[in-house]
N, C-alpha and C. Protein backbone atom coordinates (compact mmCIF):
# COMPACT_ATOMS: atom_id res chain seq x y z
N MET A 1 38.80 169.15 55.14
CA MET A 1 38.69 169.96 56.43
C MET A 1 36.99 170.52 56.33
N ASP A 2 36.01 170.05 57.54
CA ASP A 2 35.09 170.65 57.21
C ASP A 2 34.73 171.76 58.16
N VAL A 3 34.16 172.24 57.05
CA VAL A 3 34.47 174.17 57.94
C VAL A 3 32.33 174.37 58.10
N ARG A 4 32.13 174.86 59.31
CA ARG A 4 30.87 175.09 59.77
C ARG A 4 30.78 176.82 60.23
N TYR A 5 29.78 177.05 60.59
CA TYR A 5 29.60 178.47 60.74
C TYR A 5 28.60 178.69 61.54
N HIS A 6 28.65 179.55 62.55
CA HIS A 6 27.78 180.15 63.71
C HIS A 6 26.78 181.17 63.29
N ARG A 7 25.85 180.91 63.85
CA ARG A 7 25.30 181.95 63.22
C ARG A 7 25.61 183.60 63.49
N ARG A 8 26.10 183.75 64.53
CA ARG A 8 27.10 185.26 64.76
C ARG A 8 27.96 185.45 63.87
N PHE A 9 28.64 184.89 63.35
CA PHE A 9 29.36 184.86 61.76
C PHE A 9 29.18 185.11 60.80
N ARG A 10 27.61 183.93 60.65
CA ARG A 10 26.88 184.60 59.21
C ARG A 10 26.61 186.16 59.31
N LYS A 11 26.03 186.41 60.17
CA LYS A 11 25.24 188.24 60.44
C LYS A 11 26.60 188.90 60.15
N GLN A 12 27.74 188.36 60.68
CA GLN A 12 28.88 189.65 60.69
C GLN A 12 29.60 189.45 59.45
N TYR A 13 29.77 188.40 58.80
CA TYR A 13 29.87 188.38 57.70
C TYR A 13 29.21 188.98 56.69
N ARG A 14 28.17 189.19 56.45
CA ARG A 14 27.11 189.58 55.60
C ARG A 14 27.89 191.23 55.93
N LYS A 15 28.09 191.74 56.92
CA LYS A 15 28.53 192.87 57.04
C LYS A 15 30.10 193.56 56.46
N LEU A 16 30.74 192.59 56.00
CA LEU A 16 31.67 192.75 55.39
C LEU A 16 31.59 193.40 54.27
N THR A 17 32.49 194.08 53.55
CA THR A 17 32.49 194.43 52.07
C THR A 17 32.93 193.68 51.16
N LYS A 18 32.60 193.83 49.64
CA LYS A 18 32.97 192.41 48.83
C LYS A 18 34.47 192.22 48.75
N GLY A 19 35.31 193.21 48.97
CA GLY A 19 36.35 192.78 49.03
C GLY A 19 36.87 192.19 50.24
N GLN A 20 36.14 192.37 51.55
CA GLN A 20 36.79 191.72 52.63
C GLN A 20 36.09 190.40 52.42
N ARG A 21 34.75 190.08 51.89
CA ARG A 21 34.69 188.87 51.88
C ARG A 21 35.28 187.90 50.32
N GLU A 22 35.75 188.24 49.64
CA GLU A 22 36.97 187.89 48.92
C GLU A 22 38.15 187.52 49.60
N HIS A 23 38.16 188.45 50.36
CA HIS A 23 40.05 188.00 50.96
C HIS A 23 39.87 187.15 51.90
N PHE A 24 38.56 186.65 52.60
CA PHE A 24 38.11 185.70 53.40
C PHE A 24 37.95 184.27 52.58
N ALA A 25 37.23 184.03 51.12
CA ALA A 25 37.31 183.04 50.89
C ALA A 25 38.64 182.50 49.96
N THR A 26 39.18 183.39 49.98
CA THR A 26 40.88 183.15 49.46
C THR A 26 41.61 182.35 50.94
N ARG A 27 41.38 183.07 51.79
CA ARG A 27 42.20 182.69 53.22
C ARG A 27 41.54 181.50 53.38
N LEU A 28 40.15 181.21 53.68
CA LEU A 28 39.69 180.37 53.51
C LEU A 28 40.06 178.72 53.13
N SER A 29 40.05 179.25 51.36
CA SER A 29 40.51 178.08 50.78
C SER A 29 42.18 177.84 51.23
N LEU A 30 42.55 178.33 51.41
CA LEU A 30 44.56 177.83 52.25
C LEU A 30 43.57 177.60 53.47
N PHE A 31 43.39 177.91 54.37
CA PHE A 31 42.93 177.29 55.65
C PHE A 31 42.62 176.00 55.49
N ILE A 32 41.88 175.29 54.80
CA ILE A 32 41.01 174.05 54.56
C ILE A 32 42.59 173.08 53.96
N GLN A 33 43.05 173.62 52.89
CA GLN A 33 44.41 173.07 52.35
C GLN A 33 45.61 172.47 53.61
N ASN A 34 45.62 174.03 54.37
CA ASN A 34 46.61 174.05 55.34
C ASN A 34 46.32 174.74 56.74
N SER A 35 45.71 174.31 57.43
CA SER A 35 45.45 175.34 58.73
C SER A 35 46.61 175.84 59.55
N ARG A 36 47.58 175.49 59.12
CA ARG A 36 48.72 176.06 60.13
C ARG A 36 49.78 177.09 58.85
N ALA A 37 48.81 177.05 57.57
CA ALA A 37 49.90 178.07 56.46
C ALA A 37 50.60 179.06 57.52
N SER A 38 51.58 179.70 57.45
CA SER A 38 52.49 181.29 58.32
C SER A 38 51.48 182.00 57.98
N VAL A 39 51.19 182.09 56.44
CA VAL A 39 50.38 183.16 56.11
C VAL A 39 49.57 183.68 57.13
N LEU A 40 48.75 182.51 57.44
CA LEU A 40 47.28 182.96 58.39
C LEU A 40 47.60 183.17 59.70
N ASN A 41 49.02 182.80 60.26
CA ASN A 41 49.29 183.59 61.39
C ASN A 41 48.07 182.90 62.59
N ASN A 42 47.62 181.42 62.50
CA ASN A 42 47.00 181.17 62.96
C ASN A 42 47.41 180.60 64.26
N HIS A 43 46.67 181.44 65.63
CA HIS A 43 47.04 180.87 66.74
C HIS A 43 45.91 181.07 67.85
N SER A 44 46.03 180.64 69.25
CA SER A 44 45.44 180.31 69.94
C SER A 44 44.91 181.66 70.59
N LEU A 45 43.41 181.72 71.27
CA LEU A 45 43.13 182.87 71.86
C LEU A 45 42.94 182.60 73.80
N THR A 46 42.52 183.19 74.36
CA THR A 46 42.69 183.45 75.70
C THR A 46 41.87 184.23 76.29
N GLY A 47 41.34 184.55 77.37
CA GLY A 47 39.89 185.35 77.61
C GLY A 47 38.40 184.82 77.11
N LYS A 48 38.37 185.97 76.74
CA LYS A 48 36.38 185.33 76.26
C LYS A 48 36.69 184.73 75.58
N TYR A 49 37.85 184.38 74.26
CA TYR A 49 37.65 182.77 73.19
C TYR A 49 38.55 181.90 73.54
N PHE A 50 38.75 181.92 74.79
CA PHE A 50 39.71 180.59 75.53
C PHE A 50 38.74 179.85 74.63
N GLY A 51 40.40 178.85 74.01
CA GLY A 51 39.76 177.66 73.49
C GLY A 51 39.44 177.75 72.09
N CYS A 52 39.81 179.09 71.88
CA CYS A 52 39.33 179.13 70.03
C CYS A 52 40.62 179.67 69.39
N ARG A 53 40.05 179.50 68.34
CA ARG A 53 41.85 180.39 67.43
C ARG A 53 41.42 181.21 66.73
N SER A 54 42.53 181.80 66.30
CA SER A 54 42.39 183.32 64.98
C SER A 54 42.79 182.69 63.97
N ILE A 55 42.58 183.65 62.87
CA ILE A 55 43.33 183.50 61.81
C ILE A 55 43.25 185.08 61.18
N ASP A 56 44.39 185.45 60.38
CA ASP A 56 44.37 186.86 59.91
C ASP A 56 43.81 186.61 58.51
N ILE A 57 42.90 187.63 58.12
CA ILE A 57 41.91 187.26 56.76
C ILE A 57 42.73 188.52 55.84
N THR A 58 42.67 190.01 56.51
CA THR A 58 43.28 190.94 56.55
C THR A 58 44.46 191.77 57.13
N GLY A 59 44.63 192.89 56.92
CA GLY A 59 45.93 193.52 58.24
C GLY A 59 44.99 193.85 59.23
N ASP A 60 43.82 193.84 59.50
CA ASP A 60 43.21 194.29 60.59
C ASP A 60 41.85 193.20 60.85
N ILE A 61 41.46 192.18 59.98
CA ILE A 61 39.98 191.63 59.68
C ILE A 61 40.76 190.04 60.05
N ARG A 62 39.97 189.87 61.57
CA ARG A 62 40.24 188.09 62.07
C ARG A 62 38.94 187.18 61.91
N ALA A 63 39.47 186.37 61.56
CA ALA A 63 38.49 185.27 61.92
C ALA A 63 38.87 184.30 62.95
N ILE A 64 37.37 183.76 63.70
CA ILE A 64 37.59 183.26 65.05
C ILE A 64 37.06 182.17 64.90
N TYR A 65 37.89 181.02 64.96
CA TYR A 65 37.22 179.72 65.18
C TYR A 65 37.40 178.47 66.18
N ALA A 66 36.52 177.74 66.30
CA ALA A 66 36.38 176.87 67.62
C ALA A 66 36.68 175.44 67.37
N PRO A 67 38.03 174.50 67.10
CA PRO A 67 38.31 173.27 66.15
C PRO A 67 36.98 172.74 67.21
N ILE A 68 36.78 171.65 65.95
CA ILE A 68 35.86 170.47 66.58
C ILE A 68 36.68 169.15 66.81
N SER A 69 37.34 168.80 65.79
CA SER A 69 38.11 168.07 65.69
C SER A 69 39.49 168.22 64.92
N ASN A 70 40.35 167.09 64.47
CA ASN A 70 41.76 167.33 63.72
C ASN A 70 40.85 167.74 62.32
N ASN A 71 39.91 167.43 61.68
CA ASN A 71 39.40 167.66 60.41
C ASN A 71 37.88 168.36 60.42
N ALA A 72 37.79 169.14 61.28
CA ALA A 72 36.70 170.15 61.73
C ALA A 72 36.69 171.37 62.43
N ALA A 73 36.22 172.35 62.12
CA ALA A 73 36.13 173.82 62.67
C ALA A 73 35.01 174.58 62.30
N ARG A 74 34.51 175.09 63.54
CA ARG A 74 33.48 176.14 63.40
C ARG A 74 33.62 177.38 63.59
N PHE A 75 33.02 178.59 62.34
CA PHE A 75 33.88 179.83 62.31
C PHE A 75 32.90 180.34 63.16
N ILE A 76 33.08 181.03 64.43
CA ILE A 76 31.93 181.69 64.96
C ILE A 76 31.71 183.45 65.21
N ALA A 77 33.20 184.01 64.83
CA ALA A 77 32.90 185.10 64.74
C ALA A 77 34.09 186.08 63.56
N ILE A 78 33.72 186.95 63.41
CA ILE A 78 34.83 187.80 61.98
C ILE A 78 34.77 189.31 62.15
N GLY A 79 35.78 189.65 61.76
CA GLY A 79 35.46 191.55 62.55
C GLY A 79 37.14 191.83 62.36
N THR A 80 36.71 193.31 62.54
CA THR A 80 38.12 194.08 62.88
C THR A 80 38.83 193.73 63.98
N HIS A 81 40.42 193.79 64.26
CA HIS A 81 40.22 193.50 65.89
C HIS A 81 39.82 194.34 67.05
N SER A 82 39.46 195.49 66.50
CA SER A 82 38.97 196.18 68.01
C SER A 82 37.59 195.62 67.79
N GLN A 83 36.45 195.34 67.08
CA GLN A 83 35.33 194.57 67.04
C GLN A 83 35.39 193.40 67.89
N LEU A 84 36.26 192.58 67.53
CA LEU A 84 36.36 191.30 68.42
C LEU A 84 36.72 191.39 69.74
N TYR A 85 38.16 191.87 69.82
CA TYR A 85 38.75 192.14 71.09
C TYR A 85 38.49 192.91 71.96
N GLY A 86 37.69 194.53 71.35
CA GLY A 86 37.75 195.43 72.41
C GLY A 86 36.87 195.34 73.07
């Protein structure tokens, strides 16, 4: 899986705590191996993020990505549920 990052994602990522970044690294590794693993709760989005998908990082942290192809994704946002959807 080819993973790319939007500039907005990189900015939001820098604001995460060290622990949250570590959780993202763990989940990203799993995502690369199996993007449909049940623990990721990978699901499609509607509204503002129509055409994108979301994965769970921690209890409240989500990462939103746009599928580019079967083997590529661009992460566009990361944050708490209320930061992303509020």
